[in-house]
Amino acid sequence: MKRLDEKVRNASATIPGQVCLSEHTSKWNMDVYLAVDKEIPDAENMMLSGKFLTKVYEGPFQDTGKWCKDFEQFASSKGVQISKWYMWYTTCPKCAEKYGKNYVVIVALVT
């Protein structure tokens, strides 16, 4: 994250809405997608497109499994299938503790 932050700063780019999506690729790994307002040199720049479904959850990070099960039901009730999952952790653990709230948004590419 520090290297990515440095690349963004060096490119004089901004992060609209502070959006940073995490795609959990395994129990110990995730790919991170940072919204930026311009291409970043020496970074893998990509654009996400498609139809997305989102839902906001509040609570401790340990509730992620519950949120995912709820989101699967939510997507099913909307008549869509989840193709890819992303999590937007709007606060870090220290900030969540400081502010007393921890909002997490599930963002799913759906068909």
C-alpha atoms as a PDB file:
ATOM      1  CA  MET A   1       0.000   0.000   0.000  1.00  0.00           C
ATOM      2  CA  LYS A   2       2.885   2.359   0.740  1.00  0.00           C
ATOM      3  CA  ARG A   3       4.379   1.783  -2.731  1.00  0.00           C
ATOM      4  CA  LEU A   4       1.001   2.349  -4.366  1.00  0.00           C
ATOM      5  CA  ASP A   5       0.450   5.532  -2.342  1.00  0.00           C
ATOM      6  CA  GLU A   6       3.880   6.785  -3.414  1.00  0.00           C
ATOM      7  CA  LYS A   7       3.104   6.133  -7.097  1.00  0.00           C
ATOM      8  CA  VAL A   8      -0.211   7.993  -6.818  1.00  0.00           C
ATOM      9  CA  ARG A   9       1.441  10.957  -5.110  1.00  0.00           C
ATOM     10  CA  ASN A  10       4.305  11.053  -7.636  1.00  0.00           C
ATOM     11  CA  ALA A  11       1.757  11.150 -10.461  1.00  0.00           C
ATOM     12  CA  SER A  12      -0.070  14.056  -8.755  1.00  0.00           C
ATOM     13  CA  ALA A  13      -3.236  11.966  -8.925  1.00  0.00           C
ATOM     14  CA  THR A  14      -6.140  12.033  -6.524  1.00  0.00           C
ATOM     15  CA  ILE A  15      -8.367   9.260  -5.162  1.00  0.00           C
ATOM     16  CA  PRO A  16     -11.992  10.306  -5.764  1.00  0.00           C
ATOM     17  CA  GLY A  17     -14.203   9.280  -2.866  1.00  0.00           C
ATOM     18  CA  GLN A  18     -11.275   7.446  -1.279  1.00  0.00           C
ATOM     19  CA  VAL A  19     -12.472   4.270  -3.036  1.00  0.00           C
ATOM     20  CA  CYS A  20     -10.187   1.286  -2.584  1.00  0.00           C
ATOM     21  CA  LEU A  21     -11.647  -2.102  -3.490  1.00  0.00           C
ATOM     22  CA  SER A  22     -10.196  -5.363  -2.197  1.00  0.00           C
ATOM     23  CA  GLU A  23     -10.646  -8.616  -4.063  1.00  0.00           C
ATOM     24  CA  HIS A  24      -9.890 -11.511  -1.736  1.00  0.00           C
ATOM     25  CA  THR A  25      -8.098 -14.046  -3.938  1.00  0.00           C
ATOM     26  CA  SER A  26      -7.333 -16.447  -1.066  1.00  0.00           C
ATOM     27  CA  LYS A  27      -7.471 -16.556   2.717  1.00  0.00           C
ATOM     28  CA  TRP A  28      -4.070 -14.821   2.871  1.00  0.00           C
ATOM     29  CA  ASN A  29      -4.031 -12.656  -0.249  1.00  0.00           C
ATOM     30  CA  MET A  30      -5.999  -9.878  -1.884  1.00  0.00           C
ATOM     31  CA  ASP A  31      -5.732  -7.701  -4.958  1.00  0.00           C
ATOM     32  CA  VAL A  32      -6.300  -4.009  -4.328  1.00  0.00           C
ATOM     33  CA  TYR A  33      -7.958  -1.651  -6.810  1.00  0.00           C
ATOM     34  CA  LEU A  34      -7.594   2.052  -6.079  1.00  0.00           C
ATOM     35  CA  ALA A  35      -9.824   4.583  -7.836  1.00  0.00           C
ATOM     36  CA  VAL A  36      -7.667   7.343  -9.298  1.00  0.00           C
ATOM     37  CA  ASP A  37      -8.392  10.301 -11.529  1.00  0.00           C
ATOM     38  CA  LYS A  38      -5.621   9.570 -14.047  1.00  0.00           C
ATOM     39  CA  GLU A  39      -3.340   6.776 -15.181  1.00  0.00           C
ATOM     40  CA  ILE A  40      -0.443   6.012 -12.863  1.00  0.00           C
ATOM     41  CA  PRO A  41       2.989   5.365 -14.462  1.00  0.00           C
ATOM     42  CA  ASP A  42       4.584   2.012 -13.557  1.00  0.00           C
ATOM     43  CA  ALA A  43       1.297   0.626 -12.229  1.00  0.00           C
ATOM     44  CA  GLU A  44      -1.174  -1.849 -13.674  1.00  0.00           C
ATOM     45  CA  ASN A  45      -3.935   0.553 -14.706  1.00  0.00           C
ATOM     46  CA  MET A  46      -7.321  -0.946 -15.429  1.00  0.00           C
ATOM     47  CA  MET A  47     -10.946   0.095 -15.653  1.00  0.00           C
ATOM     48  CA  LEU A  48     -13.767  -1.846 -14.048  1.00  0.00           C
ATOM     49  CA  SER A  49     -17.003  -1.880 -15.998  1.00  0.00           C
ATOM     50  CA  GLY A  50     -20.244  -3.807 -15.976  1.00  0.00           C
ATOM     51  CA  LYS A  51     -23.343  -4.070 -13.838  1.00  0.00           C
ATOM     52  CA  PHE A  52     -22.652  -3.821 -10.102  1.00  0.00           C
ATOM     53  CA  LEU A  53     -24.715  -4.460  -6.986  1.00  0.00           C
ATOM     54  CA  THR A  54     -23.715  -2.976  -3.627  1.00  0.00           C
ATOM     55  CA  LYS A  55     -24.795  -3.138  -0.019  1.00  0.00           C
ATOM     56  CA  VAL A  56     -23.378  -1.422   3.068  1.00  0.00           C
ATOM     57  CA  TYR A  57     -22.727  -3.295   6.302  1.00  0.00           C
ATOM     58  CA  GLU A  58     -21.694  -2.002   9.724  1.00  0.00           C
ATOM     59  CA  GLY A  59     -19.884  -3.924  12.423  1.00  0.00           C
ATOM     60  CA  PRO A  60     -16.605  -5.642  13.243  1.00  0.00           C
ATOM     61  CA  PHE A  61     -14.468  -7.105  10.440  1.00  0.00           C
ATOM     62  CA  GLN A  62     -15.040 -10.577  11.925  1.00  0.00           C
ATOM     63  CA  ASP A  63     -18.642 -10.345  10.641  1.00  0.00           C
ATOM     64  CA  THR A  64     -17.464 -10.473   7.019  1.00  0.00           C
ATOM     65  CA  GLY A  65     -18.623 -14.087   6.627  1.00  0.00           C
ATOM     66  CA  LYS A  66     -22.131 -13.172   7.820  1.00  0.00           C
ATOM     67  CA  TRP A  67     -22.229 -10.183   5.489  1.00  0.00           C
ATOM     68  CA  CYS A  68     -21.228 -12.330   2.523  1.00  0.00           C
ATOM     69  CA  LYS A  69     -23.974 -14.869   3.230  1.00  0.00           C
ATOM     70  CA  ASP A  70     -26.499 -12.036   3.563  1.00  0.00           C
ATOM     71  CA  PHE A  71     -25.236 -10.455   0.342  1.00  0.00           C
ATOM     72  CA  GLU A  72     -25.658 -13.721  -1.560  1.00  0.00           C
ATOM     73  CA  GLN A  73     -29.322 -13.780  -0.479  1.00  0.00           C
ATOM     74  CA  PHE A  74     -29.647 -10.088  -1.347  1.00  0.00           C
ATOM     75  CA  ALA A  75     -28.263 -10.694  -4.865  1.00  0.00           C
ATOM     76  CA  SER A  76     -30.551 -13.680  -5.323  1.00  0.00           C
ATOM     77  CA  SER A  77     -33.569 -11.581  -4.291  1.00  0.00           C
ATOM     78  CA  LYS A  78     -32.615  -9.093  -7.018  1.00  0.00           C
ATOM     79  CA  GLY A  79     -32.454 -11.905  -9.590  1.00  0.00           C
ATOM     80  CA  VAL A  80     -28.745 -11.553 -10.318  1.00  0.00           C
ATOM     81  CA  GLN A  81     -25.715 -13.839 -10.136  1.00  0.00           C
ATOM     82  CA  ILE A  82     -22.454 -12.679  -8.560  1.00  0.00           C
ATOM     83  CA  SER A  83     -19.495 -12.932 -10.952  1.00  0.00           C
ATOM     84  CA  LYS A  84     -16.872 -11.180  -8.837  1.00  0.00           C
ATOM     85  CA  TRP A  85     -16.735  -9.814  -5.291  1.00  0.00           C
ATOM     86  CA  TYR A  86     -14.993  -6.722  -3.962  1.00  0.00           C
ATOM     87  CA  MET A  87     -14.954  -5.261  -0.471  1.00  0.00           C
ATOM     88  CA  TRP A  88     -14.617  -1.546   0.211  1.00  0.00           C
ATOM     89  CA  TYR A  89     -13.309  -1.147   3.736  1.00  0.00           C
ATOM     90  CA  THR A  90     -14.185   2.503   4.380  1.00  0.00           C
ATOM     91  CA  THR A  91     -12.132   2.679   7.586  1.00  0.00           C
ATOM     92  CA  CYS A  92      -9.026   0.995   8.942  1.00  0.00           C
ATOM     93  CA  PRO A  93      -9.328  -0.928  12.228  1.00  0.00           C
ATOM     94  CA  LYS A  94      -7.847   1.992  14.228  1.00  0.00           C
ATOM     95  CA  CYS A  95     -10.247   4.511  12.657  1.00  0.00           C
ATOM     96  CA  ALA A  96     -13.225   2.217  13.231  1.00  0.00           C
ATOM     97  CA  GLU A  97     -12.285   2.018  16.897  1.00  0.00           C
ATOM     98  CA  LYS A  98     -11.783   5.782  17.121  1.00  0.00           C
ATOM     99  CA  TYR A  99     -15.116   6.667  15.467  1.00  0.00           C
ATOM    100  CA  GLY A 100     -17.086   3.745  16.888  1.00  0.00           C
ATOM    101  CA  LYS A 101     -18.407   2.714  13.465  1.00  0.00           C
ATOM    102  CA  ASN A 102     -17.054   0.404  10.789  1.00  0.00           C
ATOM    103  CA  TYR A 103     -18.797   0.592   7.447  1.00  0.00           C
ATOM    104  CA  VAL A 104     -17.921  -1.985   4.798  1.00  0.00           C
ATOM    105  CA  VAL A 105     -19.427  -2.011   1.318  1.00  0.00           C
ATOM    106  CA  ILE A 106     -19.725  -5.210  -0.678  1.00  0.00           C
ATOM    107  CA  VAL A 107     -19.442  -4.412  -4.379  1.00  0.00           C
ATOM    108  CA  ALA A 108     -20.245  -7.257  -6.761  1.00  0.00           C
ATOM    109  CA  LEU A 109     -20.038  -7.549 -10.509  1.00  0.00           C
ATOM    110  CA  VAL A 110     -23.312  -9.250 -11.424  1.00  0.00           C
ATOM    111  CA  THR A 111     -24.988 -10.839 -14.408  1.00  0.00           C
END
